[in-house]
């Protein structure tokens, strides 16, 4: 552990904790490392989603009723 790490208490479902312990042993890493990686990945995915939303803000919006009408006209509904 580096001096920059922060300690946190989290509460986990017992079965999730058991599986996480087994995974940590299997890959020879600590539970902290696995949890940090999972949280980092989740935050990265959120950042990707937000960036994609930002790119799409200039797109024209479609009214739900118009989409339904179009799908019906093309025989998709």
N, C-alpha and C. Protein backbone atom coordinates (compact mmCIF):
# COMPACT_ATOMS: atom_id res chain seq x y z
N UNK A 1 0.83 -1.18 0.00
CA UNK A 1 0.00 0.00 0.00
C UNK A 1 0.88 1.25 0.00
N UNK A 2 0.53 2.20 -0.86
CA UNK A 2 1.30 3.43 -0.89
C UNK A 2 0.77 4.41 0.15
N UNK A 3 1.54 5.45 0.40
CA UNK A 3 1.13 6.46 1.37
C UNK A 3 -0.08 7.25 0.87
N UNK A 4 -0.35 7.19 -0.43
CA UNK A 4 -1.47 7.95 -1.01
C UNK A 4 -2.79 7.18 -0.96
N UNK A 5 -2.77 5.94 -0.54
CA UNK A 5 -4.02 5.19 -0.49
C UNK A 5 -4.87 5.66 0.68
N UNK A 6 -6.18 5.55 0.51
CA UNK A 6 -7.12 5.91 1.55
C UNK A 6 -7.87 4.66 1.98
N UNK A 7 -8.12 4.58 3.23
CA UNK A 7 -8.85 3.44 3.79
C UNK A 7 -10.34 3.76 3.78
N UNK A 8 -11.14 2.75 3.42
CA UNK A 8 -12.59 2.91 3.41
C UNK A 8 -13.22 1.62 3.92
N UNK A 9 -14.31 1.77 4.60
CA UNK A 9 -15.06 0.60 5.05
C UNK A 9 -16.26 0.45 4.13
N UNK A 10 -16.40 -0.73 3.56
CA UNK A 10 -17.57 -1.01 2.73
C UNK A 10 -18.24 -2.27 3.27
N UNK A 11 -19.51 -2.37 3.02
CA UNK A 11 -20.26 -3.54 3.46
C UNK A 11 -20.71 -4.29 2.22
N UNK A 12 -20.39 -5.58 2.18
CA UNK A 12 -20.68 -6.38 1.01
C UNK A 12 -21.60 -7.53 1.36
N UNK A 13 -22.35 -7.93 0.38
CA UNK A 13 -23.13 -9.15 0.50
C UNK A 13 -22.14 -10.29 0.80
N UNK A 14 -22.43 -11.15 1.76
CA UNK A 14 -21.49 -12.21 2.14
C UNK A 14 -21.09 -13.11 0.96
N UNK A 15 -22.03 -13.44 0.11
CA UNK A 15 -21.71 -14.29 -1.04
C UNK A 15 -20.78 -13.57 -2.02
N UNK A 16 -21.02 -12.30 -2.24
CA UNK A 16 -20.15 -11.51 -3.10
C UNK A 16 -18.74 -11.44 -2.52
N UNK A 17 -18.65 -11.25 -1.21
CA UNK A 17 -17.35 -11.20 -0.55
C UNK A 17 -16.62 -12.53 -0.68
N UNK A 18 -17.34 -13.63 -0.52
CA UNK A 18 -16.73 -14.96 -0.65
C UNK A 18 -16.17 -15.17 -2.05
N UNK A 19 -16.96 -14.81 -3.05
CA UNK A 19 -16.51 -14.98 -4.43
C UNK A 19 -15.33 -14.06 -4.73
N UNK A 20 -15.36 -12.85 -4.20
CA UNK A 20 -14.26 -11.91 -4.40
C UNK A 20 -12.98 -12.43 -3.75
N UNK A 21 -13.10 -13.00 -2.55
CA UNK A 21 -11.91 -13.60 -1.90
C UNK A 21 -11.32 -14.71 -2.75
N UNK A 22 -12.20 -15.57 -3.30
CA UNK A 22 -11.74 -16.66 -4.15
C UNK A 22 -11.07 -16.13 -5.41
N UNK A 23 -11.66 -15.12 -6.02
CA UNK A 23 -11.08 -14.51 -7.22
C UNK A 23 -9.72 -13.90 -6.91
N UNK A 24 -9.62 -13.22 -5.79
CA UNK A 24 -8.34 -12.60 -5.40
C UNK A 24 -7.26 -13.66 -5.23
N UNK A 25 -7.62 -14.76 -4.61
CA UNK A 25 -6.64 -15.84 -4.43
C UNK A 25 -6.26 -16.46 -5.76
N UNK A 26 -7.25 -16.63 -6.63
CA UNK A 26 -7.00 -17.25 -7.93
C UNK A 26 -6.05 -16.43 -8.79
N UNK A 27 -6.22 -15.12 -8.78
CA UNK A 27 -5.38 -14.25 -9.63
C UNK A 27 -4.21 -13.65 -8.86
N UNK A 28 -4.07 -14.06 -7.60
CA UNK A 28 -2.96 -13.61 -6.74
C UNK A 28 -2.88 -12.09 -6.65
N UNK A 29 -4.03 -11.49 -6.38
CA UNK A 29 -4.12 -10.05 -6.17
C UNK A 29 -4.94 -9.82 -4.91
N UNK A 30 -4.86 -8.63 -4.38
CA UNK A 30 -5.64 -8.33 -3.17
C UNK A 30 -7.08 -7.97 -3.55
N UNK A 31 -7.96 -8.13 -2.57
CA UNK A 31 -9.34 -7.71 -2.75
C UNK A 31 -9.37 -6.21 -3.06
N UNK A 32 -8.55 -5.45 -2.38
CA UNK A 32 -8.50 -4.00 -2.62
C UNK A 32 -8.16 -3.70 -4.08
N UNK A 33 -7.18 -4.41 -4.63
CA UNK A 33 -6.82 -4.20 -6.04
C UNK A 33 -8.00 -4.50 -6.96
N UNK A 34 -8.68 -5.61 -6.71
CA UNK A 34 -9.81 -5.98 -7.54
C UNK A 34 -10.94 -4.96 -7.44
N UNK A 35 -11.23 -4.52 -6.23
CA UNK A 35 -12.30 -3.53 -6.04
C UNK A 35 -11.92 -2.20 -6.69
N UNK A 36 -10.67 -1.77 -6.51
CA UNK A 36 -10.21 -0.53 -7.14
C UNK A 36 -10.34 -0.61 -8.65
N UNK A 37 -9.94 -1.74 -9.24
CA UNK A 37 -10.04 -1.91 -10.69
C UNK A 37 -11.50 -1.87 -11.15
N UNK A 38 -12.39 -2.52 -10.40
CA UNK A 38 -13.80 -2.55 -10.77
C UNK A 38 -14.42 -1.15 -10.69
N UNK A 39 -14.10 -0.41 -9.65
CA UNK A 39 -14.63 0.95 -9.50
C UNK A 39 -14.06 1.85 -10.59
N UNK A 40 -12.77 1.73 -10.84
CA UNK A 40 -12.12 2.52 -11.89
C UNK A 40 -12.79 2.24 -13.25
N UNK A 41 -13.03 0.97 -13.56
CA UNK A 41 -13.66 0.59 -14.82
C UNK A 41 -15.08 1.16 -14.91
N UNK A 42 -15.81 1.08 -13.82
CA UNK A 42 -17.17 1.62 -13.80
C UNK A 42 -17.17 3.13 -14.05
N UNK A 43 -16.26 3.85 -13.41
CA UNK A 43 -16.17 5.29 -13.60
C UNK A 43 -15.74 5.64 -15.02
N UNK A 44 -14.83 4.84 -15.58
CA UNK A 44 -14.38 5.04 -16.95
C UNK A 44 -15.55 4.88 -17.92
N UNK A 45 -16.38 3.85 -17.70
CA UNK A 45 -17.55 3.63 -18.55
C UNK A 45 -18.52 4.80 -18.43
N UNK A 46 -18.69 5.31 -17.22
CA UNK A 46 -19.56 6.48 -17.03
C UNK A 46 -19.01 7.67 -17.82
N UNK A 47 -17.70 7.88 -17.76
CA UNK A 47 -17.07 9.00 -18.48
C UNK A 47 -17.26 8.83 -19.98
N UNK A 48 -17.13 7.60 -20.48
CA UNK A 48 -17.36 7.35 -21.91
C UNK A 48 -18.80 7.68 -22.29
N UNK A 49 -19.74 7.25 -21.46
CA UNK A 49 -21.16 7.53 -21.72
C UNK A 49 -21.41 9.04 -21.76
N UNK A 50 -20.87 9.76 -20.79
CA UNK A 50 -21.07 11.20 -20.74
C UNK A 50 -20.46 11.88 -21.97
N UNK A 51 -19.30 11.42 -22.40
CA UNK A 51 -18.67 11.98 -23.60
C UNK A 51 -19.53 11.72 -24.83
N UNK A 52 -20.09 10.53 -24.92
CA UNK A 52 -20.98 10.21 -26.05
C UNK A 52 -22.24 11.07 -26.03
N UNK A 53 -22.82 11.25 -24.85
CA UNK A 53 -23.99 12.13 -24.73
C UNK A 53 -23.64 13.54 -25.20
N UNK A 54 -22.48 14.01 -24.81
CA UNK A 54 -22.03 15.36 -25.19
C UNK A 54 -21.92 15.47 -26.70
N UNK A 55 -21.37 14.44 -27.35
CA UNK A 55 -21.23 14.45 -28.81
C UNK A 55 -22.59 14.49 -29.50
N UNK A 56 -23.58 13.89 -28.87
CA UNK A 56 -24.88 13.76 -29.51
C UNK A 56 -25.84 14.91 -29.19
N UNK A 57 -25.41 15.88 -28.42
CA UNK A 57 -26.31 16.97 -28.05
C UNK A 57 -26.74 17.80 -29.26
N UNK A 58 -25.93 17.82 -30.31
CA UNK A 58 -26.27 18.59 -31.50
C UNK A 58 -27.23 17.84 -32.43
N UNK A 59 -27.46 16.56 -32.17
CA UNK A 59 -28.37 15.79 -33.01
C UNK A 59 -29.81 16.26 -32.82
N UNK A 60 -30.54 16.16 -33.90
CA UNK A 60 -31.95 16.51 -33.81
C UNK A 60 -32.66 15.48 -32.93
N UNK A 61 -33.61 15.95 -32.15
CA UNK A 61 -34.37 15.02 -31.33
C UNK A 61 -35.58 14.54 -32.11
N UNK A 62 -35.99 13.33 -31.81
CA UNK A 62 -37.14 12.73 -32.47
C UNK A 62 -38.30 12.63 -31.50
N UNK A 63 -39.45 13.00 -31.96
CA UNK A 63 -40.64 12.86 -31.14
C UNK A 63 -41.07 11.40 -31.14
N UNK A 64 -41.45 10.91 -30.00
CA UNK A 64 -41.84 9.50 -29.87
C UNK A 64 -42.97 9.14 -30.84
N UNK A 65 -43.95 10.01 -30.92
CA UNK A 65 -45.09 9.74 -31.80
C UNK A 65 -44.66 9.63 -33.25
N UNK A 66 -43.72 10.46 -33.67
CA UNK A 66 -43.22 10.42 -35.05
C UNK A 66 -42.47 9.12 -35.33
N UNK A 67 -41.70 8.67 -34.36
CA UNK A 67 -40.98 7.41 -34.51
C UNK A 67 -41.97 6.26 -34.65
N UNK A 68 -42.99 6.26 -33.80
CA UNK A 68 -44.03 5.23 -33.89
C UNK A 68 -44.72 5.25 -35.25
N UNK A 69 -45.06 6.43 -35.71
CA UNK A 69 -45.73 6.57 -37.00
C UNK A 69 -44.84 6.02 -38.12
N UNK A 70 -43.56 6.33 -38.07
CA UNK A 70 -42.61 5.86 -39.07
C UNK A 70 -42.48 4.34 -39.04
N UNK A 71 -42.39 3.78 -37.84
CA UNK A 71 -42.28 2.31 -37.70
C UNK A 71 -43.52 1.63 -38.25
N UNK A 72 -44.67 2.18 -37.96
CA UNK A 72 -45.93 1.62 -38.47
C UNK A 72 -45.97 1.71 -40.00
N UNK A 73 -45.58 2.85 -40.54
CA UNK A 73 -45.59 3.04 -42.00
C UNK A 73 -44.67 2.07 -42.71
N UNK A 74 -43.56 1.69 -42.05
CA UNK A 74 -42.62 0.76 -42.66
C UNK A 74 -42.94 -0.69 -42.31
N UNK A 75 -44.06 -0.90 -41.61
CA UNK A 75 -44.47 -2.26 -41.28
C UNK A 75 -43.66 -2.92 -40.18
N UNK A 76 -42.98 -2.14 -39.40
CA UNK A 76 -42.16 -2.69 -38.30
C UNK A 76 -42.96 -2.88 -37.03
N UNK A 77 -44.12 -2.26 -36.95
CA UNK A 77 -45.02 -2.43 -35.79
C UNK A 77 -46.38 -2.88 -36.24
